[in-house]
Amino acid sequence: MIRIGQKLKETRLAKGLSLEDVARATRIKTTFLTAIEKGEYHKLPSSSYALGFVQNYAEFLGLPKRETLALFRRDFDEEKTYKVLPSGFVQDERLDRKRFKIQQAFLIVIVVLILLGGFLIYQYRAAFMSPPLTVISPKENSIISATDVLISGRTDPNATLTINGEPVAVNDDGSFSKTITLFPGKTAIAVRAINTFGKEAQVTRDIDVKDSR
C-alpha cells in the first residue's frame, strides 16, 4: 500500500528535484519535507500544518488534489500522531503558557498598583500641596468707587477661609463671597485658605477705594 509520503518522494525523484529545490519553491523547510516523505507527521507543528504542507508539496509536483487528500487521510491519524509528540515539546508548550499567564498576572498587578497609587495621591494630595485658591473679584490694582467691596473666588470646599483675618464660609462647590467695608484709600485685601492638613495658600489684592459720597 503506497503512502502519500512515498508517492511525493518518488514523484520528486522522477522529476529530478532535490528537497532544497522543493523547499525554495514551496517555502517549506527541508526538515518538514523530509518528515512528510517519511510519514513522521508528529515532527510538524500541527495537523493543519501537515495538511497544508502536503497539499502545497503535491500541488508543486503536479499530483491530483483528490488523490493526494485521499492518501493523506488514509495515512494521517491526528490523535495517534500528536499523542507521540516528544514530552519535552509538550512541557515546553505548557511552560510557555504558564510563563505567559504569569506575565499577564504580573502586568495586571502593576496596572492595579499604578491605579491605586494614583488614587491615593489624588485623595491625599492635600497633605503635600497647598489648597487651590482663586480670587475672582476684585482684580489686582482695581479702583473701587465704594467702601463696600465684594470679595469672591474659589478654593477647596474643605478649606478654612479668612479675608483680612475674618472667617468666611465656603460653599460645597468651593465658591465663596463676602462683602467687607473698607476705608477710602489704597489698601490690601488678604485672602487665606488652610486645608485639613495645615497647608495654606494666600492671595493678596492691592486696591484703591474711592468714597463716592
N, C-alpha and C. Protein backbone atom coordinates (compact mmCIF):
# COMPACT_ATOMS: atom_id res chain seq x y z
N MET A 1 0.84 -1.19 0.00
CA MET A 1 0.00 0.00 0.00
C MET A 1 0.89 1.25 0.00
N ILE A 2 0.74 2.04 -1.03
CA ILE A 2 1.57 3.24 -1.16
C ILE A 2 1.09 4.33 -0.21
N ARG A 3 2.03 5.01 0.37
CA ARG A 3 1.73 6.11 1.28
C ARG A 3 1.97 7.43 0.56
N ILE A 4 1.32 8.51 1.07
CA ILE A 4 1.44 9.81 0.43
C ILE A 4 2.89 10.30 0.45
N GLY A 5 3.59 10.02 1.56
CA GLY A 5 5.00 10.44 1.64
C GLY A 5 5.85 9.76 0.59
N GLN A 6 5.60 8.47 0.43
CA GLN A 6 6.35 7.70 -0.57
C GLN A 6 6.02 8.20 -1.98
N LYS A 7 4.73 8.49 -2.22
CA LYS A 7 4.28 8.98 -3.53
C LYS A 7 4.96 10.31 -3.85
N LEU A 8 5.03 11.20 -2.86
CA LEU A 8 5.66 12.51 -3.07
C LEU A 8 7.15 12.36 -3.37
N LYS A 9 7.80 11.50 -2.61
CA LYS A 9 9.24 11.31 -2.80
C LYS A 9 9.53 10.73 -4.18
N GLU A 10 8.78 9.70 -4.58
CA GLU A 10 9.01 9.07 -5.88
C GLU A 10 8.78 10.07 -7.01
N THR A 11 7.75 10.87 -6.89
CA THR A 11 7.45 11.87 -7.93
C THR A 11 8.56 12.92 -8.00
N ARG A 12 9.02 13.33 -6.81
CA ARG A 12 10.09 14.33 -6.75
C ARG A 12 11.36 13.80 -7.44
N LEU A 13 11.72 12.57 -7.10
CA LEU A 13 12.93 11.98 -7.68
C LEU A 13 12.78 11.78 -9.18
N ALA A 14 11.56 11.40 -9.59
CA ALA A 14 11.32 11.19 -11.02
C ALA A 14 11.47 12.49 -11.80
N LYS A 15 11.19 13.61 -11.14
CA LYS A 15 11.33 14.92 -11.78
C LYS A 15 12.74 15.49 -11.62
N GLY A 16 13.60 14.74 -10.94
CA GLY A 16 14.97 15.18 -10.76
C GLY A 16 15.11 16.37 -9.82
N LEU A 17 14.24 16.44 -8.83
CA LEU A 17 14.25 17.56 -7.89
C LEU A 17 14.84 17.13 -6.55
N SER A 18 15.58 18.03 -5.94
CA SER A 18 16.08 17.78 -4.59
C SER A 18 15.11 18.39 -3.58
N LEU A 19 15.30 18.03 -2.32
CA LEU A 19 14.47 18.62 -1.28
C LEU A 19 14.67 20.14 -1.22
N GLU A 20 15.89 20.58 -1.48
CA GLU A 20 16.18 22.01 -1.48
C GLU A 20 15.41 22.73 -2.58
N ASP A 21 15.28 22.06 -3.75
CA ASP A 21 14.52 22.65 -4.86
C ASP A 21 13.06 22.85 -4.44
N VAL A 22 12.50 21.83 -3.80
CA VAL A 22 11.10 21.90 -3.36
C VAL A 22 10.94 22.96 -2.28
N ALA A 23 11.90 23.01 -1.35
CA ALA A 23 11.84 23.97 -0.25
C ALA A 23 11.84 25.39 -0.79
N ARG A 24 12.70 25.66 -1.78
CA ARG A 24 12.75 27.01 -2.34
C ARG A 24 11.45 27.38 -3.03
N ALA A 25 10.84 26.42 -3.70
CA ALA A 25 9.62 26.70 -4.46
C ALA A 25 8.39 26.81 -3.57
N THR A 26 8.32 25.98 -2.55
CA THR A 26 7.13 25.93 -1.69
C THR A 26 7.29 26.71 -0.39
N ARG A 27 8.54 27.10 -0.08
CA ARG A 27 8.85 27.79 1.18
C ARG A 27 8.55 26.91 2.41
N ILE A 28 8.65 25.59 2.22
CA ILE A 28 8.51 24.65 3.31
C ILE A 28 9.91 24.16 3.69
N LYS A 29 10.23 24.14 4.96
CA LYS A 29 11.55 23.73 5.41
C LYS A 29 11.86 22.30 4.96
N THR A 30 13.12 22.07 4.65
CA THR A 30 13.51 20.72 4.21
C THR A 30 13.26 19.68 5.30
N THR A 31 13.40 20.10 6.57
CA THR A 31 13.14 19.14 7.66
C THR A 31 11.69 18.70 7.66
N PHE A 32 10.78 19.61 7.33
CA PHE A 32 9.36 19.27 7.27
C PHE A 32 9.08 18.40 6.05
N LEU A 33 9.74 18.72 4.93
CA LEU A 33 9.55 17.90 3.73
C LEU A 33 10.03 16.47 3.96
N THR A 34 11.15 16.34 4.63
CA THR A 34 11.68 15.00 4.95
C THR A 34 10.71 14.25 5.86
N ALA A 35 10.16 14.96 6.85
CA ALA A 35 9.20 14.33 7.77
C ALA A 35 7.96 13.85 7.02
N ILE A 36 7.51 14.64 6.06
CA ILE A 36 6.33 14.26 5.27
C ILE A 36 6.63 13.01 4.45
N GLU A 37 7.78 12.99 3.81
CA GLU A 37 8.12 11.84 2.98
C GLU A 37 8.27 10.57 3.81
N LYS A 38 8.69 10.70 5.06
CA LYS A 38 8.86 9.54 5.94
C LYS A 38 7.58 9.21 6.72
N GLY A 39 6.56 10.07 6.58
CA GLY A 39 5.32 9.85 7.32
C GLY A 39 5.42 10.19 8.79
N GLU A 40 6.41 11.00 9.13
CA GLU A 40 6.63 11.39 10.54
C GLU A 40 5.92 12.72 10.82
N TYR A 41 4.60 12.65 10.80
CA TYR A 41 3.80 13.88 10.92
C TYR A 41 3.91 14.54 12.29
N HIS A 42 4.34 13.77 13.29
CA HIS A 42 4.47 14.35 14.62
C HIS A 42 5.58 15.39 14.69
N LYS A 43 6.43 15.42 13.66
CA LYS A 43 7.50 16.42 13.63
C LYS A 43 7.03 17.75 13.05
N LEU A 44 5.78 17.79 12.60
CA LEU A 44 5.21 19.02 12.07
C LEU A 44 4.49 19.77 13.19
N PRO A 45 4.34 21.08 13.06
CA PRO A 45 3.77 21.89 14.16
C PRO A 45 2.36 21.48 14.57
N SER A 46 1.49 21.14 13.61
CA SER A 46 0.11 20.77 13.95
C SER A 46 -0.51 20.04 12.76
N SER A 47 -1.74 19.56 12.97
CA SER A 47 -2.42 18.83 11.90
C SER A 47 -2.73 19.73 10.71
N SER A 48 -3.09 20.98 10.99
CA SER A 48 -3.40 21.91 9.89
C SER A 48 -2.16 22.19 9.06
N TYR A 49 -1.00 22.31 9.74
CA TYR A 49 0.25 22.48 9.01
C TYR A 49 0.54 21.25 8.16
N ALA A 50 0.32 20.07 8.72
CA ALA A 50 0.58 18.83 8.00
C ALA A 50 -0.23 18.78 6.70
N LEU A 51 -1.52 19.08 6.79
CA LEU A 51 -2.38 19.05 5.61
C LEU A 51 -1.94 20.11 4.61
N GLY A 52 -1.68 21.32 5.09
CA GLY A 52 -1.28 22.41 4.20
C GLY A 52 0.03 22.12 3.49
N PHE A 53 1.01 21.60 4.23
CA PHE A 53 2.30 21.28 3.63
C PHE A 53 2.18 20.20 2.56
N VAL A 54 1.41 19.16 2.88
CA VAL A 54 1.23 18.06 1.92
C VAL A 54 0.54 18.57 0.66
N GLN A 55 -0.48 19.40 0.82
CA GLN A 55 -1.20 19.94 -0.34
C GLN A 55 -0.27 20.80 -1.21
N ASN A 56 0.50 21.66 -0.57
CA ASN A 56 1.42 22.52 -1.32
C ASN A 56 2.50 21.70 -2.04
N TYR A 57 3.01 20.71 -1.34
CA TYR A 57 4.04 19.84 -1.91
C TYR A 57 3.48 19.11 -3.14
N ALA A 58 2.29 18.52 -2.96
CA ALA A 58 1.68 17.75 -4.06
C ALA A 58 1.33 18.66 -5.23
N GLU A 59 0.83 19.85 -4.94
CA GLU A 59 0.48 20.78 -6.00
C GLU A 59 1.71 21.19 -6.80
N PHE A 60 2.82 21.40 -6.09
CA PHE A 60 4.06 21.76 -6.78
C PHE A 60 4.52 20.64 -7.72
N LEU A 61 4.33 19.41 -7.27
CA LEU A 61 4.76 18.27 -8.09
C LEU A 61 3.75 17.92 -9.18
N GLY A 62 2.56 18.56 -9.13
CA GLY A 62 1.55 18.31 -10.15
C GLY A 62 0.70 17.09 -9.90
N LEU A 63 0.62 16.64 -8.65
CA LEU A 63 -0.20 15.48 -8.32
C LEU A 63 -1.66 15.90 -8.17
N PRO A 64 -2.60 15.01 -8.52
CA PRO A 64 -4.03 15.33 -8.41
C PRO A 64 -4.41 15.60 -6.95
N LYS A 65 -5.20 16.64 -6.73
CA LYS A 65 -5.57 17.03 -5.38
C LYS A 65 -6.39 15.96 -4.68
N ARG A 66 -7.36 15.39 -5.39
CA ARG A 66 -8.25 14.40 -4.77
C ARG A 66 -7.47 13.17 -4.33
N GLU A 67 -6.58 12.70 -5.18
CA GLU A 67 -5.77 11.53 -4.83
C GLU A 67 -4.85 11.84 -3.65
N THR A 68 -4.29 13.04 -3.66
CA THR A 68 -3.39 13.44 -2.58
C THR A 68 -4.12 13.45 -1.24
N LEU A 69 -5.31 14.07 -1.21
CA LEU A 69 -6.07 14.13 0.04
C LEU A 69 -6.49 12.75 0.51
N ALA A 70 -6.87 11.88 -0.42
CA ALA A 70 -7.29 10.53 -0.06
C ALA A 70 -6.13 9.76 0.59
N LEU A 71 -4.94 9.84 -0.01
CA LEU A 71 -3.78 9.15 0.55
C LEU A 71 -3.38 9.75 1.90
N PHE A 72 -3.46 11.06 2.00
CA PHE A 72 -3.09 11.72 3.25
C PHE A 72 -4.03 11.29 4.39
N ARG A 73 -5.32 11.32 4.12
CA ARG A 73 -6.29 10.96 5.16
C ARG A 73 -6.15 9.50 5.59
N ARG A 74 -5.75 8.67 4.65
CA ARG A 74 -5.56 7.25 4.99
C ARG A 74 -4.33 7.07 5.88
N ASP A 75 -3.30 7.88 5.64
CA ASP A 75 -2.05 7.77 6.41
C ASP A 75 -2.12 8.49 7.76
N PHE A 76 -2.86 9.60 7.77
CA PHE A 76 -2.75 10.52 8.90
C PHE A 76 -3.82 10.23 9.96
N ASP A 77 -3.36 9.98 11.18
CA ASP A 77 -4.25 9.81 12.34
C ASP A 77 -3.85 10.89 13.34
N GLU A 78 -4.65 11.95 13.38
CA GLU A 78 -4.26 13.12 14.20
C GLU A 78 -4.09 12.76 15.66
N GLU A 79 -5.04 12.01 16.22
CA GLU A 79 -4.96 11.69 17.65
C GLU A 79 -3.73 10.85 17.94
N LYS A 80 -3.50 9.86 17.11
CA LYS A 80 -2.34 8.98 17.32
C LYS A 80 -1.03 9.73 17.07
N THR A 81 -1.02 10.56 16.02
CA THR A 81 0.21 11.29 15.65
C THR A 81 0.65 12.23 16.74
N TYR A 82 -0.28 13.02 17.26
CA TYR A 82 0.11 14.05 18.22
C TYR A 82 0.12 13.56 19.66
N LYS A 83 -0.23 12.29 19.84
CA LYS A 83 0.00 11.69 21.15
C LYS A 83 1.45 11.28 21.32
N VAL A 84 2.14 11.12 20.18
CA VAL A 84 3.53 10.71 20.27
C VAL A 84 4.48 11.89 20.20
N LEU A 85 3.96 13.09 20.40
CA LEU A 85 4.85 14.25 20.47
C LEU A 85 5.84 14.07 21.59
N PRO A 86 7.08 14.50 21.40
CA PRO A 86 8.07 14.39 22.47
C PRO A 86 7.61 15.11 23.72
N SER A 87 7.82 14.49 24.88
CA SER A 87 7.36 15.08 26.13
C SER A 87 7.99 16.45 26.36
N GLY A 88 9.22 16.61 25.90
CA GLY A 88 9.88 17.91 26.06
C GLY A 88 9.14 19.00 25.32
N PHE A 89 8.62 18.67 24.12
CA PHE A 89 7.87 19.66 23.34
C PHE A 89 6.59 20.06 24.07
N VAL A 90 5.88 19.07 24.60
CA VAL A 90 4.65 19.35 25.34
C VAL A 90 4.94 20.18 26.59
N GLN A 91 6.00 19.79 27.29
CA GLN A 91 6.36 20.52 28.50
C GLN A 91 6.74 21.95 28.18
N ASP A 92 7.48 22.15 27.06
CA ASP A 92 7.87 23.50 26.68
C ASP A 92 6.64 24.34 26.38
N GLU A 93 5.66 23.70 25.71
CA GLU A 93 4.44 24.44 25.38
C GLU A 93 3.70 24.83 26.66
N ARG A 94 3.65 23.89 27.60
CA ARG A 94 2.98 24.18 28.87
C ARG A 94 3.73 25.27 29.64
N LEU A 95 5.05 25.19 29.59
CA LEU A 95 5.85 26.22 30.27
C LEU A 95 5.63 27.58 29.65
N ASP A 96 5.53 27.62 28.32
CA ASP A 96 5.28 28.89 27.64
C ASP A 96 3.93 29.47 28.05
N ARG A 97 2.92 28.59 28.13
CA ARG A 97 1.59 29.07 28.54
C ARG A 97 1.61 29.56 29.97
N LYS A 98 2.30 28.79 30.83
CA LYS A 98 2.40 29.19 32.24
C LYS A 98 3.14 30.52 32.38
N ARG A 99 4.23 30.65 31.61
CA ARG A 99 5.01 31.88 31.65
C ARG A 99 4.17 33.06 31.16
N PHE A 100 3.37 32.82 30.11
CA PHE A 100 2.50 33.89 29.58
C PHE A 100 1.46 34.31 30.61
N LYS A 101 0.88 33.31 31.32
CA LYS A 101 -0.11 33.64 32.34
C LYS A 101 0.52 34.42 33.49
N ILE A 102 1.75 34.04 33.86
CA ILE A 102 2.45 34.76 34.94
C ILE A 102 2.72 36.19 34.51
N GLN A 103 3.16 36.37 33.27
CA GLN A 103 3.43 37.71 32.76
C GLN A 103 2.15 38.54 32.73
N GLN A 104 1.04 37.88 32.33
CA GLN A 104 -0.24 38.58 32.32
C GLN A 104 -0.63 39.03 33.72
N ALA A 105 -0.50 38.10 34.68
CA ALA A 105 -0.85 38.42 36.07
C ALA A 105 0.04 39.53 36.61
N PHE A 106 1.33 39.46 36.28
CA PHE A 106 2.27 40.49 36.75
C PHE A 106 1.90 41.85 36.18
N LEU A 107 1.53 41.88 34.90
CA LEU A 107 1.13 43.14 34.25
C LEU A 107 -0.12 43.70 34.91
N ILE A 108 -1.09 42.82 35.20
CA ILE A 108 -2.32 43.27 35.85
C ILE A 108 -2.03 43.86 37.22
N VAL A 109 -1.14 43.19 37.98
CA VAL A 109 -0.76 43.68 39.31
C VAL A 109 -0.12 45.07 39.21
N ILE A 110 0.78 45.24 38.22
CA ILE A 110 1.45 46.53 38.04
C ILE A 110 0.43 47.62 37.72
N VAL A 111 -0.51 47.31 36.83
CA VAL A 111 -1.54 48.30 36.46
C VAL A 111 -2.39 48.67 37.67
N VAL A 112 -2.78 47.64 38.45
CA VAL A 112 -3.59 47.90 39.65
C VAL A 112 -2.82 48.76 40.64
N LEU A 113 -1.53 48.46 40.83
CA LEU A 113 -0.72 49.26 41.77
C LEU A 113 -0.59 50.70 41.30
N ILE A 114 -0.41 50.89 39.99
CA ILE A 114 -0.31 52.25 39.46
C ILE A 114 -1.62 53.01 39.68
N LEU A 115 -2.74 52.33 39.39
CA LEU A 115 -4.04 52.98 39.59
C LEU A 115 -4.28 53.29 41.06
N LEU A 116 -3.91 52.32 41.94
CA LEU A 116 -4.08 52.53 43.38
C LEU A 116 -3.21 53.68 43.86
N GLY A 117 -1.95 53.72 43.38
CA GLY A 117 -1.06 54.80 43.77
C GLY A 117 -1.59 56.15 43.32
N GLY A 118 -2.10 56.19 42.06
CA GLY A 118 -2.68 57.43 41.57
C GLY A 118 -3.87 57.87 42.38
N PHE A 119 -4.72 56.89 42.77
CA PHE A 119 -5.90 57.21 43.59
C PHE A 119 -5.49 57.77 44.96
N LEU A 120 -4.50 57.11 45.58
CA LEU A 120 -4.05 57.57 46.90
C LEU A 120 -3.43 58.96 46.83
N ILE A 121 -2.64 59.18 45.78
CA ILE A 121 -2.04 60.51 45.62
C ILE A 121 -3.12 61.56 45.42
N TYR A 122 -4.14 61.20 44.61
CA TYR A 122 -5.23 62.15 44.38
C TYR A 122 -5.99 62.43 45.67
N GLN A 123 -6.25 61.37 46.45
CA GLN A 123 -7.01 61.53 47.68
C GLN A 123 -6.24 62.32 48.74
N TYR A 124 -4.93 62.09 48.80
CA TYR A 124 -4.15 62.70 49.87
C TYR A 124 -3.20 63.80 49.36
N ARG A 125 -3.53 64.31 48.16
CA ARG A 125 -2.69 65.37 47.62
C ARG A 125 -2.69 66.60 48.53
N ALA A 126 -3.78 66.80 49.30
CA ALA A 126 -3.88 67.95 50.19
C ALA A 126 -2.82 67.91 51.29
N ALA A 127 -2.29 66.70 51.58
CA ALA A 127 -1.26 66.59 52.62
C ALA A 127 0.08 67.13 52.13
N PHE A 128 0.23 67.26 50.83
CA PHE A 128 1.52 67.68 50.27
C PHE A 128 1.42 69.02 49.53
N MET A 129 0.22 69.40 49.17
CA MET A 129 0.06 70.60 48.34
C MET A 129 -0.82 71.63 49.04
N SER A 130 -0.58 72.88 48.72
CA SER A 130 -1.43 73.95 49.23
C SER A 130 -2.79 73.86 48.56
N PRO A 131 -3.84 74.29 49.23
CA PRO A 131 -5.16 74.23 48.62
C PRO A 131 -5.26 75.20 47.45
N PRO A 132 -6.07 74.89 46.47
CA PRO A 132 -6.26 75.84 45.36
C PRO A 132 -6.97 77.09 45.89
N LEU A 133 -6.59 78.22 45.38
CA LEU A 133 -7.22 79.47 45.82
C LEU A 133 -7.20 80.46 44.66
N THR A 134 -8.38 80.87 44.26
CA THR A 134 -8.52 81.85 43.18
C THR A 134 -9.42 82.99 43.67
N VAL A 135 -8.95 84.19 43.55
CA VAL A 135 -9.77 85.37 43.88
C VAL A 135 -10.25 85.97 42.57
N ILE A 136 -11.55 85.93 42.37
CA ILE A 136 -12.14 86.41 41.13
C ILE A 136 -12.34 87.93 41.17
N SER A 137 -12.80 88.38 42.31
CA SER A 137 -13.06 89.81 42.48
C SER A 137 -12.64 90.24 43.89
N PRO A 138 -11.96 91.39 44.01
CA PRO A 138 -11.61 92.35 42.95
C PRO A 138 -10.31 91.96 42.26
N LYS A 139 -10.06 92.57 41.12
CA LYS A 139 -8.81 92.35 40.40
C LYS A 139 -7.71 93.17 41.05
N GLU A 140 -6.46 92.77 40.81
CA GLU A 140 -5.31 93.49 41.32
C GLU A 140 -5.29 94.92 40.79
N ASN A 141 -5.03 95.87 41.73
CA ASN A 141 -4.93 97.30 41.41
C ASN A 141 -6.24 97.88 40.90
N SER A 142 -7.35 97.25 41.33
CA SER A 142 -8.66 97.78 40.94
C SER A 142 -8.92 99.10 41.68
N ILE A 143 -9.69 99.97 41.05
CA ILE A 143 -10.17 101.20 41.69
C ILE A 143 -11.64 100.98 42.00
N ILE A 144 -11.98 100.97 43.27
CA ILE A 144 -13.34 100.67 43.73
C ILE A 144 -14.00 101.98 44.16
N SER A 145 -15.13 102.26 43.55
CA SER A 145 -15.81 103.53 43.84
C SER A 145 -16.85 103.38 44.94
N ALA A 146 -16.57 102.55 45.94
CA ALA A 146 -17.48 102.37 47.08
C ALA A 146 -16.68 101.76 48.21
N THR A 147 -17.11 102.01 49.43
CA THR A 147 -16.38 101.46 50.58
C THR A 147 -16.78 100.02 50.87
N ASP A 148 -17.93 99.62 50.31
CA ASP A 148 -18.34 98.21 50.45
C ASP A 148 -17.78 97.44 49.25
N VAL A 149 -16.90 96.49 49.53
CA VAL A 149 -16.21 95.77 48.46
C VAL A 149 -16.57 94.28 48.51
N LEU A 150 -16.97 93.73 47.37
CA LEU A 150 -17.31 92.31 47.27
C LEU A 150 -16.05 91.51 46.97
N ILE A 151 -15.77 90.55 47.83
CA ILE A 151 -14.65 89.63 47.62
C ILE A 151 -15.24 88.26 47.26
N SER A 152 -14.83 87.72 46.12
CA SER A 152 -15.36 86.41 45.69
C SER A 152 -14.25 85.58 45.05
N GLY A 153 -14.46 84.29 45.06
CA GLY A 153 -13.46 83.41 44.47
C GLY A 153 -13.81 81.95 44.68
N ARG A 154 -12.78 81.10 44.62
CA ARG A 154 -13.00 79.66 44.73
C ARG A 154 -11.79 79.02 45.41
N THR A 155 -12.06 77.98 46.22
CA THR A 155 -10.99 77.25 46.90
C THR A 155 -11.45 75.83 47.19
N ASP A 156 -10.67 75.09 47.98
CA ASP A 156 -11.05 73.73 48.39
C ASP A 156 -12.28 73.80 49.28
N PRO A 157 -13.35 73.04 48.97
CA PRO A 157 -14.57 73.09 49.79
C PRO A 157 -14.33 72.79 51.26
N ASN A 158 -13.27 72.04 51.57
CA ASN A 158 -12.99 71.68 52.96
C ASN A 158 -11.99 72.62 53.64
N ALA A 159 -11.57 73.64 52.92
CA ALA A 159 -10.59 74.56 53.48
C ALA A 159 -11.24 75.56 54.44
N THR A 160 -10.43 76.07 55.37
CA THR A 160 -10.85 77.17 56.24
C THR A 160 -10.38 78.47 55.59
N LEU A 161 -11.31 79.39 55.36
CA LEU A 161 -11.00 80.60 54.62
C LEU A 161 -11.16 81.83 55.50
N THR A 162 -10.22 82.75 55.35
CA THR A 162 -10.33 84.05 56.04
C THR A 162 -10.02 85.16 55.05
N ILE A 163 -10.68 86.30 55.26
CA ILE A 163 -10.40 87.51 54.48
C ILE A 163 -10.02 88.59 55.48
N ASN A 164 -8.80 89.06 55.38
CA ASN A 164 -8.26 90.01 56.37
C ASN A 164 -8.44 89.51 57.80
N GLY A 165 -8.24 88.19 57.94
CA GLY A 165 -8.30 87.58 59.27
C GLY A 165 -9.69 87.19 59.73
N GLU A 166 -10.73 87.56 58.97
CA GLU A 166 -12.11 87.24 59.35
C GLU A 166 -12.55 85.97 58.64
N PRO A 167 -13.14 85.01 59.39
CA PRO A 167 -13.57 83.76 58.76
C PRO A 167 -14.69 83.98 57.75
N VAL A 168 -14.64 83.20 56.67
CA VAL A 168 -15.64 83.29 55.61
C VAL A 168 -16.11 81.88 55.27
N ALA A 169 -17.41 81.72 55.09
CA ALA A 169 -17.97 80.41 54.75
C ALA A 169 -17.63 80.03 53.31
N VAL A 170 -17.34 78.75 53.13
CA VAL A 170 -17.06 78.22 51.79
C VAL A 170 -18.19 77.28 51.39
N ASN A 171 -18.73 77.48 50.20
CA ASN A 171 -19.84 76.64 49.73
C ASN A 171 -19.35 75.24 49.36
N ASP A 172 -20.31 74.33 49.16
CA ASP A 172 -19.96 72.95 48.84
C ASP A 172 -19.17 72.82 47.54
N ASP A 173 -19.36 73.75 46.62
CA ASP A 173 -18.62 73.70 45.36
C ASP A 173 -17.30 74.44 45.43
N GLY A 174 -16.94 74.94 46.63
CA GLY A 174 -15.67 75.63 46.81
C GLY A 174 -15.74 77.13 46.58
N SER A 175 -16.90 77.64 46.16
CA SER A 175 -17.02 79.08 45.91
C SER A 175 -17.23 79.83 47.22
N PHE A 176 -16.86 81.09 47.24
CA PHE A 176 -17.07 81.92 48.42
C PHE A 176 -17.28 83.37 47.97
N SER A 177 -17.96 84.14 48.78
CA SER A 177 -18.14 85.58 48.53
C SER A 177 -18.46 86.26 49.85
N LYS A 178 -17.94 87.47 49.98
CA LYS A 178 -18.21 88.24 51.20
C LYS A 178 -17.99 89.72 50.88
N THR A 179 -18.88 90.53 51.37
CA THR A 179 -18.76 91.97 51.22
C THR A 179 -18.18 92.55 52.50
N ILE A 180 -17.09 93.30 52.34
CA ILE A 180 -16.47 93.92 53.51
C ILE A 180 -16.42 95.44 53.31
N THR A 181 -16.39 96.14 54.40
CA THR A 181 -16.33 97.61 54.34
C THR A 181 -14.90 98.05 54.61
N LEU A 182 -14.39 98.89 53.69
CA LEU A 182 -13.01 99.36 53.79
C LEU A 182 -12.98 100.89 53.83
N PHE A 183 -11.94 101.42 54.43
CA PHE A 183 -11.77 102.87 54.44
C PHE A 183 -11.25 103.32 53.08
N PRO A 184 -11.59 104.53 52.69
CA PRO A 184 -11.09 105.06 51.42
C PRO A 184 -9.56 105.10 51.42
N GLY A 185 -9.00 104.93 50.22
CA GLY A 185 -7.56 104.96 50.07
C GLY A 185 -7.02 103.62 49.58
N LYS A 186 -5.73 103.57 49.42
CA LYS A 186 -5.09 102.33 48.97
C LYS A 186 -5.01 101.35 50.13
N THR A 187 -5.42 100.12 49.85
CA THR A 187 -5.42 99.10 50.90
C THR A 187 -5.16 97.72 50.30
N ALA A 188 -4.86 96.77 51.15
CA ALA A 188 -4.60 95.40 50.70
C ALA A 188 -5.64 94.46 51.30
N ILE A 189 -6.09 93.54 50.50
CA ILE A 189 -7.03 92.52 50.96
C ILE A 189 -6.29 91.19 50.94
N ALA A 190 -6.21 90.53 52.08
CA ALA A 190 -5.51 89.24 52.19
C ALA A 190 -6.53 88.11 52.31
N VAL A 191 -6.54 87.24 51.34
CA VAL A 191 -7.43 86.06 51.35
C VAL A 191 -6.55 84.85 51.63
N ARG A 192 -6.92 84.08 52.64
CA ARG A 192 -6.08 82.96 53.08
C ARG A 192 -6.93 81.70 53.23
N ALA A 193 -6.43 80.58 52.68
CA ALA A 193 -7.13 79.29 52.78
C ALA A 193 -6.18 78.27 53.41
N ILE A 194 -6.68 77.49 54.37
CA ILE A 194 -5.89 76.45 55.04
C ILE A 194 -6.66 75.14 54.93
N ASN A 195 -6.00 74.10 54.41
CA ASN A 195 -6.69 72.82 54.29
C ASN A 195 -6.59 72.01 55.59
N THR A 196 -7.17 70.81 55.58
CA THR A 196 -7.25 70.00 56.79
C THR A 196 -5.89 69.49 57.25
N PHE A 197 -4.88 69.57 56.37
CA PHE A 197 -3.54 69.13 56.74
C PHE A 197 -2.63 70.30 57.11
N GLY A 198 -3.23 71.49 57.21
CA GLY A 198 -2.45 72.66 57.62
C GLY A 198 -1.71 73.36 56.51
N LYS A 199 -1.86 72.86 55.28
CA LYS A 199 -1.23 73.54 54.15
C LYS A 199 -2.06 74.77 53.78
N GLU A 200 -1.38 75.87 53.48
CA GLU A 200 -2.12 77.10 53.23
C GLU A 200 -1.72 77.76 51.92
N ALA A 201 -2.65 78.58 51.44
CA ALA A 201 -2.43 79.40 50.25
C ALA A 201 -2.97 80.79 50.54
N GLN A 202 -2.31 81.78 50.02
CA GLN A 202 -2.75 83.16 50.27
C GLN A 202 -2.65 83.98 48.99
N VAL A 203 -3.68 84.80 48.79
CA VAL A 203 -3.72 85.73 47.66
C VAL A 203 -3.98 87.12 48.21
N THR A 204 -3.17 88.07 47.79
CA THR A 204 -3.34 89.46 48.23
C THR A 204 -3.74 90.32 47.05
N ARG A 205 -4.75 91.18 47.29
CA ARG A 205 -5.19 92.12 46.26
C ARG A 205 -4.96 93.54 46.76
N ASP A 206 -4.18 94.31 46.03
CA ASP A 206 -3.98 95.72 46.33
C ASP A 206 -4.99 96.53 45.52
N ILE A 207 -5.83 97.28 46.21
CA ILE A 207 -6.87 98.06 45.53
C ILE A 207 -6.88 99.50 46.04
N ASP A 208 -7.58 100.34 45.32
CA ASP A 208 -7.72 101.74 45.71
C ASP A 208 -9.21 102.02 45.88
N VAL A 209 -9.61 102.32 47.11
CA VAL A 209 -11.02 102.53 47.43
C VAL A 209 -11.33 104.03 47.38
N LYS A 210 -12.34 104.40 46.57
CA LYS A 210 -12.77 105.78 46.47
C LYS A 210 -14.14 105.94 47.13
N ASP A 211 -14.26 106.94 47.95
CA ASP A 211 -15.55 107.22 48.61
C ASP A 211 -16.40 108.01 47.64
N SER A 212 -17.47 107.38 47.19
CA SER A 212 -18.35 108.01 46.17
C SER A 212 -19.30 109.02 46.75
N ARG A 213 -19.35 109.15 48.08
CA ARG A 213 -20.31 110.11 48.66
C ARG A 213 -19.86 111.54 48.48
